Protein backbone atom coordinates (compact mmCIF):
# COMPACT_ATOMS: atom_id res chain seq x y z
CA MET A 1 47.38 -178.13 -17.72
CA SER A 2 44.62 -180.38 -19.02
CA THR A 3 42.50 -179.78 -22.07
CA SER A 4 39.55 -179.14 -19.69
CA CYS A 5 41.01 -175.62 -19.26
CA GLY A 6 38.87 -174.25 -22.11
CA ARG A 7 35.70 -175.72 -20.61
CA ARG A 8 36.51 -174.09 -17.24
CA LEU A 9 37.02 -170.71 -18.91
CA ILE A 10 33.77 -171.00 -20.86
CA GLU A 11 31.83 -171.95 -17.72
CA HIS A 12 33.26 -168.89 -15.98
CA ASP A 13 31.79 -166.63 -18.69
CA ARG A 14 28.47 -168.49 -18.61
CA SER A 15 28.16 -167.72 -14.90
CA PHE A 16 27.33 -164.09 -15.70
CA GLY A 17 24.10 -165.15 -17.41
CA ALA A 18 24.74 -163.33 -20.70
CA ARG A 19 24.81 -164.95 -24.14
CA PHE A 20 27.20 -162.52 -25.92
CA VAL A 21 30.32 -161.88 -23.89
CA ALA A 22 33.21 -159.67 -25.02
CA GLY A 23 36.72 -160.02 -23.64
CA ALA A 24 39.61 -157.62 -24.18
CA ASP A 25 43.34 -158.06 -23.67
CA GLU A 26 46.60 -156.66 -25.03
CA ALA A 27 50.02 -157.85 -26.15
CA GLY A 28 53.32 -156.00 -26.36
CA ARG A 29 53.23 -153.83 -23.23
CA GLY A 30 56.81 -154.70 -22.33
CA SER A 31 58.23 -154.62 -25.83
CA LEU A 32 61.07 -152.25 -26.76
CA ALA A 33 59.95 -152.03 -30.38
CA GLY A 34 56.79 -152.36 -32.39
CA PRO A 35 53.14 -151.57 -31.69
CA LEU A 36 50.91 -152.31 -28.76
CA SER A 37 48.21 -154.73 -29.87
CA ALA A 38 44.79 -154.84 -28.19
CA ALA A 39 42.07 -157.27 -29.18
CA ALA A 40 38.46 -157.76 -28.23
CA VAL A 41 36.56 -160.97 -28.98
CA VAL A 42 32.81 -161.47 -28.69
CA LEU A 43 31.74 -165.04 -27.94
CA ASP A 44 28.23 -166.37 -28.49
CA LEU A 45 28.19 -168.82 -25.60
CA GLU A 46 25.30 -170.73 -27.14
CA LYS A 47 27.62 -171.73 -30.00
CA LEU A 48 30.14 -173.11 -27.53
CA ARG A 49 28.02 -176.05 -26.48
CA GLY A 50 29.00 -179.47 -27.78
CA SER A 51 31.47 -179.44 -30.67
CA GLY A 52 31.98 -175.66 -30.48
CA GLY A 53 33.21 -175.91 -26.93
CA ARG A 54 35.43 -178.88 -27.74
CA ALA A 55 37.20 -176.85 -30.42
CA LEU A 56 38.34 -174.49 -27.64
CA ALA A 57 39.24 -177.24 -25.18
CA GLY A 58 42.88 -176.22 -25.22
CA LEU A 59 42.15 -172.51 -24.77
CA ARG A 60 44.34 -170.68 -22.26
CA ASP A 61 46.27 -167.46 -21.80
CA SER A 62 48.53 -166.85 -24.79
CA LYS A 63 51.60 -166.71 -22.55
CA GLN A 64 51.02 -170.34 -21.65
CA CYS A 65 50.95 -171.49 -25.28
CA THR A 66 53.67 -172.31 -27.75
CA PRO A 67 53.66 -170.26 -30.99
CA ALA A 68 52.27 -173.27 -32.88
CA ALA A 69 49.51 -173.75 -30.31
CA ARG A 70 48.58 -170.07 -30.55
CA GLU A 71 48.24 -170.32 -34.30
CA ARG A 72 45.98 -173.36 -33.97
CA LEU A 73 43.87 -171.67 -31.34
CA LEU A 74 43.57 -168.53 -33.47
CA SER A 75 41.90 -170.54 -36.21
CA SER A 76 39.34 -171.88 -33.74
CA VAL A 77 38.77 -168.46 -32.19
CA LEU A 78 38.15 -166.82 -35.55
CA ALA A 79 35.79 -169.61 -36.61
CA LEU A 80 33.73 -169.53 -33.43
CA SER A 81 33.68 -165.82 -32.49
CA GLU A 82 30.77 -163.53 -33.23
CA LEU A 83 33.13 -160.57 -33.69
CA VAL A 84 36.88 -159.93 -33.47
CA VAL A 85 38.39 -156.44 -33.24
CA VAL A 86 42.10 -155.53 -33.18
CA GLU A 87 43.52 -152.09 -32.38
CA LEU A 88 47.21 -151.27 -32.88
CA ILE A 89 49.00 -148.34 -31.24
CA PRO A 90 52.33 -147.57 -33.01
CA ALA A 91 55.54 -146.77 -31.21
CA ARG A 92 55.35 -143.05 -31.95
CA GLU A 93 51.90 -142.75 -30.37
CA ILE A 94 53.13 -144.69 -27.32
CA ASP A 95 56.04 -142.26 -27.04
CA ARG A 96 53.78 -139.20 -27.27
CA GLY A 97 51.24 -140.18 -24.66
CA GLY A 98 52.88 -142.89 -22.56
CA LEU A 99 52.41 -146.64 -22.44
CA HIS A 100 49.61 -146.80 -19.91
CA LYS A 101 47.50 -144.20 -21.71
CA ALA A 102 48.06 -146.00 -25.02
CA ASN A 103 47.12 -149.31 -23.45
CA LEU A 104 43.85 -148.05 -22.04
CA GLU A 105 42.97 -146.27 -25.28
CA ALA A 106 43.56 -149.38 -27.37
CA LEU A 107 41.43 -151.51 -25.07
CA ARG A 108 38.67 -148.88 -25.03
CA ARG A 109 38.63 -148.68 -28.83
CA ALA A 110 38.48 -152.44 -29.21
CA LEU A 111 35.75 -152.90 -26.62
CA THR A 112 33.63 -150.02 -27.91
CA ALA A 113 33.54 -151.66 -31.33
CA CYS A 114 31.98 -154.76 -29.75
CA VAL A 115 28.84 -153.15 -28.32
CA PRO A 116 26.52 -154.39 -29.74
CA PRO A 117 26.45 -157.38 -29.97
CA ALA A 118 28.19 -157.85 -26.62
CA GLU A 119 25.90 -157.80 -23.58
CA LEU A 120 28.76 -158.13 -21.12
CA CYS A 121 32.33 -156.81 -21.41
CA LEU A 122 35.30 -158.22 -19.53
CA VAL A 123 38.81 -156.73 -19.49
CA ASP A 124 42.03 -158.30 -18.30
CA GLY A 125 43.17 -156.35 -15.28
CA PHE A 126 42.39 -152.74 -16.16
CA SER A 127 39.43 -150.51 -15.46
CA LEU A 128 39.08 -148.38 -18.60
CA GLY A 129 37.11 -145.48 -17.17
CA PRO A 130 33.70 -144.05 -18.06
CA GLU A 131 34.57 -143.48 -21.72
CA ALA A 132 34.50 -147.24 -22.29
CA PRO A 133 31.37 -149.38 -22.42
CA PRO A 134 30.28 -150.73 -19.01
CA HIS A 135 32.74 -153.48 -18.18
CA GLU A 136 34.25 -155.59 -15.46
CA ALA A 137 38.01 -155.66 -14.87
CA LEU A 138 39.24 -159.11 -13.95
CA VAL A 139 42.67 -159.49 -12.38
CA GLY A 140 44.27 -162.48 -14.09
CA GLY A 141 41.35 -162.48 -16.49
CA ASP A 142 43.27 -164.24 -19.24
CA GLU A 143 43.42 -167.29 -16.95
CA ARG A 144 39.78 -167.04 -15.85
CA SER A 145 37.65 -165.94 -18.80
CA ALA A 146 37.24 -167.61 -22.20
CA ALA A 147 36.50 -164.31 -23.95
CA ILE A 148 39.60 -162.65 -22.48
CA ALA A 149 41.77 -165.69 -23.24
CA CYS A 150 40.56 -165.58 -26.85
CA ALA A 151 41.44 -161.88 -27.02
CA SER A 152 44.86 -162.69 -25.58
CA ILE A 153 45.48 -165.20 -28.37
CA VAL A 154 44.36 -162.78 -31.10
CA ALA A 155 46.37 -159.85 -29.77
CA LYS A 156 49.55 -161.90 -29.44
CA VAL A 157 49.38 -163.66 -32.81
CA VAL A 158 48.53 -160.49 -34.72
CA ARG A 159 51.39 -158.62 -33.11
CA ASP A 160 53.92 -161.42 -33.60
CA ARG A 161 53.01 -161.67 -37.27
CA MET A 162 53.47 -157.93 -37.66
CA MET A 163 56.89 -158.06 -36.02
CA ARG A 164 57.98 -160.82 -38.38
CA ARG A 165 56.96 -158.59 -41.30
CA LEU A 166 58.89 -155.69 -39.77
CA ASP A 167 61.93 -157.96 -39.65
CA ALA A 168 62.04 -157.81 -43.46
CA LEU A 169 62.04 -153.99 -43.34
CA TYR A 170 64.55 -153.72 -40.50
CA PRO A 171 66.68 -156.85 -40.79
CA ASN A 172 69.43 -155.65 -38.45
CA TYR A 173 67.41 -156.09 -35.28
CA GLY A 174 66.22 -159.71 -35.33
CA PHE A 175 62.55 -158.90 -34.84
CA ALA A 176 61.51 -162.31 -36.16
CA ALA A 177 63.28 -163.98 -33.22
CA HIS A 178 62.31 -161.78 -30.27
CA VAL A 179 59.29 -159.87 -31.71
CA GLY A 180 60.57 -156.61 -30.25
CA TYR A 181 61.22 -157.62 -26.65
CA ILE A 182 64.55 -156.93 -24.96
CA THR A 183 67.10 -159.71 -25.38
CA GLY A 184 70.88 -159.62 -25.39
CA ALA A 185 70.96 -159.80 -29.18
CA HIS A 186 68.32 -157.09 -29.55
CA SER A 187 70.15 -154.74 -27.18
CA ALA A 188 73.42 -155.40 -28.99
CA ALA A 189 71.81 -154.55 -32.33
CA VAL A 190 70.41 -151.26 -30.98
CA ARG A 191 73.82 -150.34 -29.59
CA ARG A 192 75.41 -151.07 -32.94
CA TYR A 193 72.86 -149.60 -35.35
CA GLY A 194 70.89 -147.21 -33.17
CA PRO A 195 67.11 -147.48 -32.71
CA SER A 196 64.83 -147.80 -35.73
CA VAL A 197 61.67 -145.76 -36.29
CA VAL A 198 59.61 -148.59 -34.73
CA HIS A 199 61.53 -148.53 -31.44
CA ARG A 200 59.86 -146.93 -28.43
CA ARG A 201 62.20 -144.11 -27.55
CA SER A 202 60.28 -143.24 -24.36
CA PHE A 203 61.43 -146.49 -22.77
CA ARG A 204 64.40 -146.15 -20.44
CA ALA A 205 66.65 -148.77 -21.99
CA ALA A 206 70.38 -148.94 -21.40
CA CYS A 207 70.97 -149.89 -25.04
CA TYR A 208 69.65 -146.46 -26.12
CA GLU A 209 72.27 -144.68 -24.04
CA GLN A 210 75.01 -146.81 -25.56
CA SER A 211 73.80 -146.75 -29.18
CA ALA A 212 75.85 -145.40 -32.07
């Protein structure tokens, strides 16, 4: 993918005719452990002309970036954004209400905190209901919208950093390596040590049934 990707995403958001555009996305939906992270980023599209836009030339969905690239992009996003909001839903809250409910709530909280200054709100994939600010749900939005792609980067980096910190508190599980997602090593650790307090017990995972 060429470095013109960021320009294409920015032009997509310009097409709505608003100056301040908020994008919201989440990270950690499929994780066995750790929080769900939702971020909203407000871009001032007037600041993304010239050198501002060039700083985001490599912008894309966080899943398409290496960890090092995400860290570099985060610095640019934080420098160029009008506002950045992060909402974290812990494992226990996910277990109480369910993943989908937690996901929508986190995105709603993040987006609500962005209005104002946002004139337009875009969400990756999900319609958040009438409790959220007026918004447009874009399927595959993290590959179409600059604001959503920025939120994707923020949500992912914040969550990964938190999981690396949790690795120091729960060293038996290898969180620094897999950031809470299911891997062979992670499943083996849960079977050996049992789930920690940051594991999502509502997930139907075979390793829970076989844990000590």
